[in-house]
C-alpha atoms as a PDB file:
ATOM      1  CA  MET A   1      56.599 126.185  45.724  1.00  0.00           C
ATOM      2  CA  LYS A   2      57.444 129.491  47.302  1.00  0.00           C
ATOM      3  CA  VAL A   3      55.842 131.060  50.499  1.00  0.00           C
ATOM      4  CA  HIS A   4      55.912 134.666  51.240  1.00  0.00           C
ATOM      5  CA  ILE A   5      56.488 135.009  54.951  1.00  0.00           C
ATOM      6  CA  ASP A   6      53.880 137.959  55.229  1.00  0.00           C
ATOM      7  CA  LYS A   7      51.249 135.498  54.120  1.00  0.00           C
ATOM      8  CA  ILE A   8      51.788 133.081  57.060  1.00  0.00           C
ATOM      9  CA  PRO A   9      48.865 133.791  59.454  1.00  0.00           C
ATOM     10  CA  THR A  10      49.269 134.054  63.103  1.00  0.00           C
ATOM     11  CA  GLU A  11      47.780 130.569  63.692  1.00  0.00           C
ATOM     12  CA  GLY A  12      50.277 129.242  61.349  1.00  0.00           C
ATOM     13  CA  LEU A  13      50.130 127.708  57.703  1.00  0.00           C
ATOM     14  CA  VAL A  14      49.620 124.054  56.805  1.00  0.00           C
ATOM     15  CA  VAL A  15      50.905 122.933  53.520  1.00  0.00           C
ATOM     16  CA  ASP A  16      50.529 119.546  51.859  1.00  0.00           C
ATOM     17  CA  LEU A  17      52.922 118.784  48.956  1.00  0.00           C
ATOM     18  CA  ALA A  18      53.077 116.010  46.488  1.00  0.00           C
ATOM     19  CA  GLU A  19      56.133 116.713  44.448  1.00  0.00           C
ATOM     20  CA  ASP A  20      57.792 114.813  41.505  1.00  0.00           C
ATOM     21  CA  GLY A  21      61.299 113.838  42.646  1.00  0.00           C
ATOM     22  CA  GLY A  22      62.417 113.649  39.005  1.00  0.00           C
ATOM     23  CA  ARG A  23      61.696 117.333  38.767  1.00  0.00           C
ATOM     24  CA  LEU A  24      63.382 118.318  41.869  1.00  0.00           C
ATOM     25  CA  PHE A  25      66.495 116.342  41.187  1.00  0.00           C
ATOM     26  CA  LYS A  26      66.716 116.515  37.461  1.00  0.00           C
ATOM     27  CA  ASP A  27      70.339 117.147  37.587  1.00  0.00           C
ATOM     28  CA  GLU A  28      70.958 113.993  39.792  1.00  0.00           C
ATOM     29  CA  PRO A  29      70.321 110.953  37.571  1.00  0.00           C
ATOM     30  CA  GLU A  30      71.548 108.511  40.281  1.00  0.00           C
ATOM     31  CA  LEU A  31      68.363 109.550  42.449  1.00  0.00           C
ATOM     32  CA  ARG A  32      65.348 107.933  41.008  1.00  0.00           C
ATOM     33  CA  PHE A  33      61.700 108.076  42.254  1.00  0.00           C
ATOM     34  CA  LYS A  34      58.922 106.121  41.010  1.00  0.00           C
ATOM     35  CA  GLU A  35      56.380 107.744  43.393  1.00  0.00           C
ATOM     36  CA  LYS A  36      55.645 111.433  44.466  1.00  0.00           C
ATOM     37  CA  ILE A  37      57.431 112.960  47.414  1.00  0.00           C
ATOM     38  CA  LEU A  38      54.729 113.447  50.045  1.00  0.00           C
ATOM     39  CA  SER A  39      55.112 116.077  52.692  1.00  0.00           C
ATOM     40  CA  ARG A  40      53.138 118.026  55.124  1.00  0.00           C
ATOM     41  CA  LEU A  41      54.692 121.232  56.518  1.00  0.00           C
ATOM     42  CA  VAL A  42      53.431 123.477  59.327  1.00  0.00           C
ATOM     43  CA  LEU A  43      54.919 126.927  59.075  1.00  0.00           C
ATOM     44  CA  ASN A  44      54.689 129.288  62.075  1.00  0.00           C
ATOM     45  CA  ARG A  45      56.037 132.920  62.383  1.00  0.00           C
ATOM     46  CA  LEU A  46      57.466 134.548  65.229  1.00  0.00           C
ATOM     47  CA  GLY A  47      58.452 138.073  64.097  1.00  0.00           C
ATOM     48  CA  LEU A  48      60.856 137.447  61.132  1.00  0.00           C
ATOM     49  CA  ASN A  49      61.790 133.857  62.319  1.00  0.00           C
ATOM     50  CA  ILE A  50      59.926 130.885  60.761  1.00  0.00           C
ATOM     51  CA  THR A  51      59.764 127.504  62.142  1.00  0.00           C
ATOM     52  CA  VAL A  52      58.792 124.708  59.819  1.00  0.00           C
ATOM     53  CA  SER A  53      57.728 121.284  61.360  1.00  0.00           C
ATOM     54  CA  GLY A  54      56.871 118.472  58.919  1.00  0.00           C
ATOM     55  CA  ASP A  55      57.130 114.968  57.765  1.00  0.00           C
ATOM     56  CA  ILE A  56      58.349 113.626  54.473  1.00  0.00           C
ATOM     57  CA  ARG A  57      57.486 110.273  52.869  1.00  0.00           C
ATOM     58  CA  PHE A  58      58.987 108.864  49.666  1.00  0.00           C
ATOM     59  CA  ARG A  59      60.645 105.745  47.997  1.00  0.00           C
ATOM     60  CA  ILE A  60      63.973 106.363  46.188  1.00  0.00           C
ATOM     61  CA  PHE A  61      65.618 103.806  44.016  1.00  0.00           C
ATOM     62  CA  LEU A  62      69.434 103.417  44.445  1.00  0.00           C
ATOM     63  CA  GLN A  63      72.284 101.193  43.351  1.00  0.00           C
ATOM     64  CA  CYS A  64      74.033  99.198  45.880  1.00  0.00           C
ATOM     65  CA  SER A  65      77.724 100.176  46.221  1.00  0.00           C
ATOM     66  CA  ARG A  66      78.878  96.728  46.864  1.00  0.00           C
ATOM     67  CA  CYS A  67      76.924  94.440  44.572  1.00  0.00           C
ATOM     68  CA  LEU A  68      75.534  97.034  42.005  1.00  0.00           C
ATOM     69  CA  LYS A  69      71.985  95.729  42.341  1.00  0.00           C
ATOM     70  CA  ASP A  70      69.211  98.256  42.170  1.00  0.00           C
ATOM     71  CA  PHE A  71      67.075  98.530  45.441  1.00  0.00           C
ATOM     72  CA  SER A  72      64.427 100.734  46.845  1.00  0.00           C
ATOM     73  CA  LEU A  73      64.874 102.706  50.040  1.00  0.00           C
ATOM     74  CA  PRO A  74      61.503 103.758  51.696  1.00  0.00           C
ATOM     75  CA  VAL A  75      61.755 106.800  53.881  1.00  0.00           C
ATOM     76  CA  ASP A  76      59.270 108.410  56.361  1.00  0.00           C
ATOM     77  CA  LYS A  77      60.996 111.115  58.445  1.00  0.00           C
ATOM     78  CA  ASP A  78      59.958 113.991  60.680  1.00  0.00           C
ATOM     79  CA  PHE A  79      61.761 117.157  60.790  1.00  0.00           C
ATOM     80  CA  ASP A  80      61.897 120.623  62.358  1.00  0.00           C
ATOM     81  CA  LEU A  81      63.743 123.572  60.780  1.00  0.00           C
ATOM     82  CA  GLU A  82      64.188 127.215  61.604  1.00  0.00           C
ATOM     83  CA  TYR A  83      64.432 129.949  59.025  1.00  0.00           C
ATOM     84  CA  ARG A  84      65.758 133.508  59.594  1.00  0.00           C
ATOM     85  CA  PRO A  85      66.259 136.500  57.230  1.00  0.00           C
ATOM     86  CA  VAL A  86      69.638 136.389  55.398  1.00  0.00           C
ATOM     87  CA  SER A  87      70.233 139.990  56.759  1.00  0.00           C
ATOM     88  CA  GLU A  88      70.876 138.429  60.152  1.00  0.00           C
ATOM     89  CA  ILE A  89      74.072 137.071  58.797  1.00  0.00           C
ATOM     90  CA  SER A  90      77.150 139.401  59.568  1.00  0.00           C
ATOM     91  CA  LYS A  91      78.179 141.593  56.764  1.00  0.00           C
ATOM     92  CA  GLY A  92      81.860 141.326  56.057  1.00  0.00           C
ATOM     93  CA  GLY A  93      84.774 139.674  57.605  1.00  0.00           C
ATOM     94  CA  GLU A  94      84.988 135.959  58.913  1.00  0.00           C
ATOM     95  CA  PHE A  95      83.210 134.656  61.851  1.00  0.00           C
ATOM     96  CA  GLN A  96      82.581 131.420  63.691  1.00  0.00           C
ATOM     97  CA  LEU A  97      79.094 129.831  63.760  1.00  0.00           C
ATOM     98  CA  SER A  98      78.029 128.254  67.097  1.00  0.00           C
ATOM     99  CA  GLN A  99      76.614 124.729  67.197  1.00  0.00           C
ATOM    100  CA  ASP A 100      73.066 126.017  67.347  1.00  0.00           C
ATOM    101  CA  GLU A 101      73.559 128.137  64.365  1.00  0.00           C
ATOM    102  CA  LEU A 102      74.523 125.288  62.104  1.00  0.00           C
ATOM    103  CA  ASP A 103      70.877 124.075  62.144  1.00  0.00           C
ATOM    104  CA  ILE A 104      69.489 127.503  61.025  1.00  0.00           C
ATOM    105  CA  LEU A 105      68.374 128.202  57.360  1.00  0.00           C
ATOM    106  CA  TYR A 106      68.061 131.468  55.801  1.00  0.00           C
ATOM    107  CA  TYR A 107      65.563 133.059  53.439  1.00  0.00           C
ATOM    108  CA  ASP A 108      65.885 136.247  51.243  1.00  0.00           C
ATOM    109  CA  ASP A 109      63.382 138.700  50.118  1.00  0.00           C
ATOM    110  CA  GLY A 110      60.730 137.525  52.460  1.00  0.00           C
ATOM    111  CA  VAL A 111      60.299 134.158  50.610  1.00  0.00           C
ATOM    112  CA  ILE A 112      60.985 130.614  51.504  1.00  0.00           C
ATOM    113  CA  ASP A 113      61.265 128.105  48.728  1.00  0.00           C
ATOM    114  CA  LEU A 114      59.698 124.935  49.921  1.00  0.00           C
ATOM    115  CA  ASP A 115      61.111 122.944  46.895  1.00  0.00           C
ATOM    116  CA  GLU A 116      64.524 123.615  48.457  1.00  0.00           C
ATOM    117  CA  THR A 117      63.305 122.483  51.829  1.00  0.00           C
ATOM    118  CA  LEU A 118      62.107 119.180  50.441  1.00  0.00           C
ATOM    119  CA  MET A 119      65.378 118.697  48.414  1.00  0.00           C
ATOM    120  CA  GLY A 120      67.387 119.382  51.722  1.00  0.00           C
ATOM    121  CA  GLN A 121      65.408 116.674  53.623  1.00  0.00           C
ATOM    122  CA  VAL A 122      65.714 114.110  50.803  1.00  0.00           C
ATOM    123  CA  ALA A 123      69.640 114.820  50.460  1.00  0.00           C
ATOM    124  CA  GLU A 124      69.961 114.203  54.194  1.00  0.00           C
ATOM    125  CA  THR A 125      68.394 110.875  53.953  1.00  0.00           C
ATOM    126  CA  VAL A 126      70.291 109.340  50.918  1.00  0.00           C
ATOM    127  CA  PRO A 127      73.198 107.336  52.263  1.00  0.00           C
ATOM    128  CA  LEU A 128      76.776 108.190  50.937  1.00  0.00           C
ATOM    129  CA  LYS A 129      77.311 104.452  50.493  1.00  0.00           C
ATOM    130  CA  PRO A 130      73.974 102.857  49.625  1.00  0.00           C
ATOM    131  CA  LEU A 131      73.676  99.266  50.598  1.00  0.00           C
ATOM    132  CA  CYS A 132      70.994  96.842  49.685  1.00  0.00           C
ATOM    133  CA  SER A 133      71.511  95.118  52.925  1.00  0.00           C
ATOM    134  CA  GLU A 134      73.880  95.448  55.760  1.00  0.00           C
ATOM    135  CA  VAL A 135      75.103  92.013  55.272  1.00  0.00           C
ATOM    136  CA  CYS A 136      75.648  92.575  51.342  1.00  0.00           C
ATOM    137  CA  ARG A 137      78.650  90.408  50.292  1.00  0.00           C
ATOM    138  CA  GLY A 138      79.282  92.462  47.069  1.00  0.00           C
ATOM    139  CA  LEU A 139      80.951  91.085  44.048  1.00  0.00           C
ATOM    140  CA  CYS A 140      83.841  88.742  43.530  1.00  0.00           C
ATOM    141  CA  PRO A 141      86.951  90.703  42.777  1.00  0.00           C
ATOM    142  CA  HIS A 142      88.095  88.164  40.317  1.00  0.00           C
ATOM    143  CA  CYS A 143      85.026  86.986  38.256  1.00  0.00           C
ATOM    144  CA  GLY A 144      82.458  89.666  39.164  1.00  0.00           C
ATOM    145  CA  LYS A 145      79.699  87.100  40.416  1.00  0.00           C
ATOM    146  CA  ASN A 146      77.291  88.612  43.029  1.00  0.00           C
ATOM    147  CA  LEU A 147      78.410  86.831  46.161  1.00  0.00           C
ATOM    148  CA  ASN A 148      74.788  87.281  47.635  1.00  0.00           C
ATOM    149  CA  GLU A 149      73.628  84.846  45.125  1.00  0.00           C
ATOM    150  CA  GLY A 150      76.153  82.239  45.998  1.00  0.00           C
ATOM    151  CA  GLU A 151      79.850  81.376  46.196  1.00  0.00           C
ATOM    152  CA  CYS A 152      81.875  81.577  42.946  1.00  0.00           C
ATOM    153  CA  SER A 153      84.264  78.749  41.856  1.00  0.00           C
ATOM    154  CA  CYS A 154      87.169  81.132  41.357  1.00  0.00           C
ATOM    155  CA  TYR A 155      87.360  82.681  44.763  1.00  0.00           C
ATOM    156  CA  ALA A 156      88.753  79.905  46.953  1.00  0.00           C
ATOM    157  CA  GLY A 157      91.799  79.367  44.589  1.00  0.00           C
ATOM    158  CA  HIS A 158      92.973  83.037  44.491  1.00  0.00           C
ATOM    159  CA  LEU A 159      94.983  84.182  47.457  1.00  0.00           C
ATOM    160  CA  ASP A 160      96.568  87.540  47.845  1.00  0.00           C
ATOM    161  CA  PRO A 161     100.077  87.146  46.521  1.00  0.00           C
ATOM    162  CA  ARG A 162     101.553  88.714  49.688  1.00  0.00           C
ATOM    163  CA  LEU A 163     100.177  86.099  51.968  1.00  0.00           C
ATOM    164  CA  PRO A 164     102.452  83.100  51.228  1.00  0.00           C
ATOM    165  CA  ARG A 165     105.455  85.116  52.656  1.00  0.00           C
ATOM    166  CA  PHE A 166     103.351  85.530  55.912  1.00  0.00           C
ATOM    167  CA  LYS A 167     102.783  81.712  55.818  1.00  0.00           C
ATOM    168  CA  ASP A 168     106.575  81.150  55.564  1.00  0.00           C
ATOM    169  CA  LEU A 169     107.259  83.500  58.372  1.00  0.00           C
ATOM    170  CA  LEU A 170     104.899  81.493  60.633  1.00  0.00           C
ATOM    171  CA  LYS A 171     106.591  78.222  59.698  1.00  0.00           C
ATOM    172  CA  LYS A 172     110.173  79.647  60.570  1.00  0.00           C
ATOM    173  CA  LYS A 173     108.676  80.972  63.990  1.00  0.00           C
ATOM    174  CA  ASP A 174     107.246  77.473  64.762  1.00  0.00           C
ATOM    175  CA  ILE A 175     110.554  75.752  63.955  1.00  0.00           C
ATOM    176  CA  GLN A 176     112.482  77.980  66.473  1.00  0.00           C
END
């Protein structure tokens, strides 16, 4: 959904959205949504600057990076954004952004794309290394058994081939 900034009244504009995550992230097959992405946005205009305050709620289905089990991650997040016209960006040459400018988004042709706003908020919440649990034990490196479901019989017998040398060094140290 696109909003023209000149259509935002002085008292602000409230927008309720229920978007299909599969449509928004059609090029990202690892992001699976079974429910709509729900959001309420409040847009306020101060000259050419637009503030967006809102909340977003969704449930995303991911694969654990340790045990490869699918799990759902519920998200309920509040956020505040500021949009400025792209014409404010310096034309030509390199320049350094201040810390405050890193949180500013830019719009072009007097239009803010709310789909991009939602996509950005979803992307911020998806962990780089998704875990089904903070204490996930992952898979056995030898047989592939999910260690969250119990110990495997092969793990105890396998030692790193480098470790016996350290054991020999410790024995020599004890002798001296």
